[in-house]
Amino acid sequence: MKLELPLFALVALAIAPAVCGGELRAFDAKSLAEIRQTYAGRPFVLAFWSIHCAPCKEEMGTLAALKKKFPGVPVVLVATDPPSAKPAVVRYLAGQKLGGIETWAFADEFAEKVRFGVDRKWHGELPRTYFFDAQHESTAHSGVIDPAWAQSWLAERTAPKAKR
């Protein structure tokens, strides 16, 4: 039996591994726990966006700049679009220069369930960014993040501790 895929699916499969140096992973209600475990004892940034959100696209440059300035701090980018939009998400990300940012996309059509797994107080506003310190206490921010604030936050949490 020969399997034939539509052209958009072939293109998506061909460029998916190139997206930000990895693949677009499926994000569900349990994914945050997995990410926290992966980055145990380390600060990280978790940013939610959508292909239909102009401010989210504006924020991509800020996130890439943060990753470049703080290469040891993981930045995790999650598309909140429905799974059916994955080819469009992959196409968009393929055109971005995100320099090592980890990419995920919602795996469930029921977005509320996924959002609830991240933050019970999050009502879906985008962009939505969480700054996790090394103990994984988070600071949530809705709207485009201020680059100066984000750099300051990361600098404080990544600076070597002074010897006493």
Protein backbone atom coordinates (compact mmCIF):
# COMPACT_ATOMS: atom_id res chain seq x y z
CA MET A 1 0.00 0.00 0.00
CA LYS A 2 1.43 3.35 -1.04
CA LEU A 3 0.80 6.30 1.26
CA GLU A 4 0.36 9.63 -0.47
CA LEU A 5 0.39 12.85 1.53
CA PRO A 6 -0.87 16.26 0.43
CA LEU A 7 1.85 18.73 -0.50
CA PHE A 8 1.36 20.90 2.63
CA ALA A 9 1.88 17.82 4.83
CA LEU A 10 5.09 16.91 2.99
CA VAL A 11 6.39 20.46 3.38
CA ALA A 12 5.48 20.50 7.08
CA LEU A 13 7.22 17.18 7.64
CA ALA A 14 10.30 18.36 5.77
CA ILE A 15 10.72 21.60 7.69
CA ALA A 16 9.46 20.50 11.13
CA PRO A 17 12.88 19.32 12.36
CA ALA A 18 14.38 22.63 11.25
CA VAL A 19 11.98 24.68 13.34
CA CYS A 20 14.18 26.28 15.95
CA GLY A 21 16.58 23.36 15.72
CA GLY A 22 14.00 20.80 16.83
CA GLU A 23 10.48 19.65 16.42
CA LEU A 24 7.15 21.13 17.38
CA ARG A 25 6.21 19.06 20.42
CA ALA A 26 2.64 18.40 21.57
CA PHE A 27 1.67 20.47 24.64
CA ASP A 28 -1.17 19.15 26.79
CA ALA A 29 -2.42 19.70 30.34
CA LYS A 30 0.51 17.67 31.74
CA SER A 31 3.32 19.20 29.69
CA LEU A 32 4.18 21.94 32.16
CA ALA A 33 5.06 19.28 34.76
CA GLU A 34 7.38 17.65 32.20
CA ILE A 35 9.04 20.98 31.38
CA ARG A 36 9.50 21.78 35.07
CA GLN A 37 11.12 18.39 35.62
CA THR A 38 13.42 18.88 32.63
CA TYR A 39 14.59 22.23 33.98
CA ALA A 40 14.60 21.35 37.69
CA GLY A 41 16.66 23.83 39.68
CA ARG A 42 16.97 26.22 36.73
CA PRO A 43 15.06 29.33 35.76
CA PHE A 44 13.18 29.24 32.45
CA VAL A 45 10.74 31.29 30.39
CA LEU A 46 7.47 29.84 29.11
CA ALA A 47 5.72 31.93 26.45
CA PHE A 48 2.31 31.28 24.87
CA TRP A 49 1.42 32.76 21.48
CA SER A 50 -0.78 32.26 18.40
CA ILE A 51 -0.34 32.68 14.68
CA HIS A 52 -3.39 35.00 14.79
CA CYS A 53 -1.92 37.29 17.46
CA ALA A 54 0.04 40.29 16.13
CA PRO A 55 1.48 41.25 19.56
CA CYS A 56 2.65 37.64 19.97
CA LYS A 57 4.61 37.88 16.73
CA GLU A 58 6.06 41.20 17.91
CA GLU A 59 7.25 39.50 21.10
CA MET A 60 9.17 36.79 19.18
CA GLY A 61 12.07 39.19 18.63
CA THR A 62 12.25 39.95 22.35
CA LEU A 63 12.26 36.25 23.23
CA ALA A 64 15.00 35.54 20.69
CA ALA A 65 17.07 38.43 22.10
CA LEU A 66 16.61 37.10 25.64
CA LYS A 67 17.73 33.63 24.55
CA LYS A 68 20.79 35.13 22.89
CA LYS A 69 21.70 37.28 25.92
CA PHE A 70 20.99 34.47 28.43
CA PRO A 71 21.88 31.28 26.52
CA GLY A 72 21.78 29.18 29.69
CA VAL A 73 18.14 30.02 30.36
CA PRO A 74 15.70 27.83 28.46
CA VAL A 75 12.97 29.64 26.56
CA VAL A 76 9.94 27.49 25.75
CA LEU A 77 7.49 28.77 23.14
CA VAL A 78 3.99 27.24 22.97
CA ALA A 79 1.53 27.90 20.14
CA THR A 80 -2.04 27.97 21.50
CA ASP A 81 -3.57 27.34 18.09
CA PRO A 82 -5.68 24.21 17.61
CA PRO A 83 -3.85 21.08 16.41
CA SER A 84 -5.42 21.53 12.95
CA ALA A 85 -3.33 24.73 12.58
CA LYS A 86 -0.02 22.89 13.10
CA PRO A 87 1.10 23.23 9.44
CA ALA A 88 0.62 27.02 9.60
CA VAL A 89 2.47 27.20 12.94
CA VAL A 90 5.35 25.17 11.51
CA ARG A 91 5.51 27.40 8.42
CA TYR A 92 5.55 30.56 10.53
CA LEU A 93 8.22 29.29 12.92
CA ALA A 94 10.39 28.11 10.05
CA GLY A 95 10.69 31.74 8.96
CA GLN A 96 11.76 32.97 12.39
CA LYS A 97 15.27 33.20 13.78
CA LEU A 98 14.58 31.92 17.27
CA GLY A 99 18.05 30.56 18.00
CA GLY A 100 17.51 27.45 20.10
CA ILE A 101 14.11 28.25 21.55
CA GLU A 102 12.17 25.08 22.31
CA THR A 103 8.84 24.94 20.44
CA TRP A 104 5.58 23.27 21.38
CA ALA A 105 1.95 23.53 20.22
CA PHE A 106 -1.37 22.77 21.91
CA ALA A 107 -2.25 19.11 21.41
CA ASP A 108 -5.91 19.41 22.40
CA GLU A 109 -8.74 21.20 20.60
CA PHE A 110 -10.15 21.99 24.07
CA ALA A 111 -7.79 24.88 24.86
CA GLU A 112 -9.39 25.62 28.23
CA LYS A 113 -8.30 22.22 29.53
CA VAL A 114 -4.70 22.89 28.50
CA ARG A 115 -4.71 26.42 29.91
CA PHE A 116 -6.16 25.16 33.19
CA GLY A 117 -3.22 22.74 33.43
CA VAL A 118 -0.85 25.71 33.24
CA ASP A 119 -2.61 28.36 35.32
CA ARG A 120 -6.16 28.32 36.69
CA LYS A 121 -6.18 32.14 36.54
CA TRP A 122 -5.24 32.33 32.84
CA HIS A 123 -8.30 33.10 30.70
CA GLY A 124 -6.62 32.83 27.30
CA GLU A 125 -5.22 36.33 26.80
CA LEU A 126 -2.15 36.42 24.56
CA PRO A 127 0.71 36.78 24.60
CA ARG A 128 1.04 35.17 28.01
CA THR A 129 4.53 34.66 29.43
CA TYR A 130 5.65 32.98 32.64
CA PHE A 131 9.05 33.63 34.15
CA PHE A 132 10.05 30.71 36.39
CA ASP A 133 12.89 31.16 38.88
CA ALA A 134 15.19 28.28 39.91
CA GLN A 135 12.62 27.13 42.52
CA HIS A 136 9.95 27.32 39.79
CA GLU A 137 7.98 30.08 41.43
CA SER A 138 6.45 31.92 38.50
CA THR A 139 5.75 35.50 37.55
CA ALA A 140 2.96 35.67 34.96
CA HIS A 141 2.66 38.46 32.42
CA SER A 142 -0.15 39.09 29.94
CA GLY A 143 0.60 41.27 26.93
CA VAL A 144 3.90 42.06 25.27
CA ILE A 145 6.74 41.84 27.77
CA ASP A 146 8.97 44.83 28.41
CA PRO A 147 12.46 43.81 27.21
CA ALA A 148 14.24 45.86 29.91
CA TRP A 149 12.14 44.29 32.68
CA ALA A 150 12.68 40.76 31.30
CA GLN A 151 16.45 41.29 31.02
CA SER A 152 16.58 42.62 34.57
CA TRP A 153 14.52 39.69 35.88
CA LEU A 154 16.77 37.16 34.16
CA ALA A 155 19.99 38.94 35.16
CA GLU A 156 18.96 38.84 38.83
CA ARG A 157 18.21 35.12 38.66
CA THR A 158 21.28 34.06 36.68
CA ALA A 159 23.97 36.20 38.31
CA PRO A 160 26.58 34.21 40.22
CA LYS A 161 26.00 34.29 43.97
CA ALA A 162 28.57 36.32 45.88
CA LYS A 163 30.70 34.36 48.34
CA ARG A 164 30.10 35.25 51.95
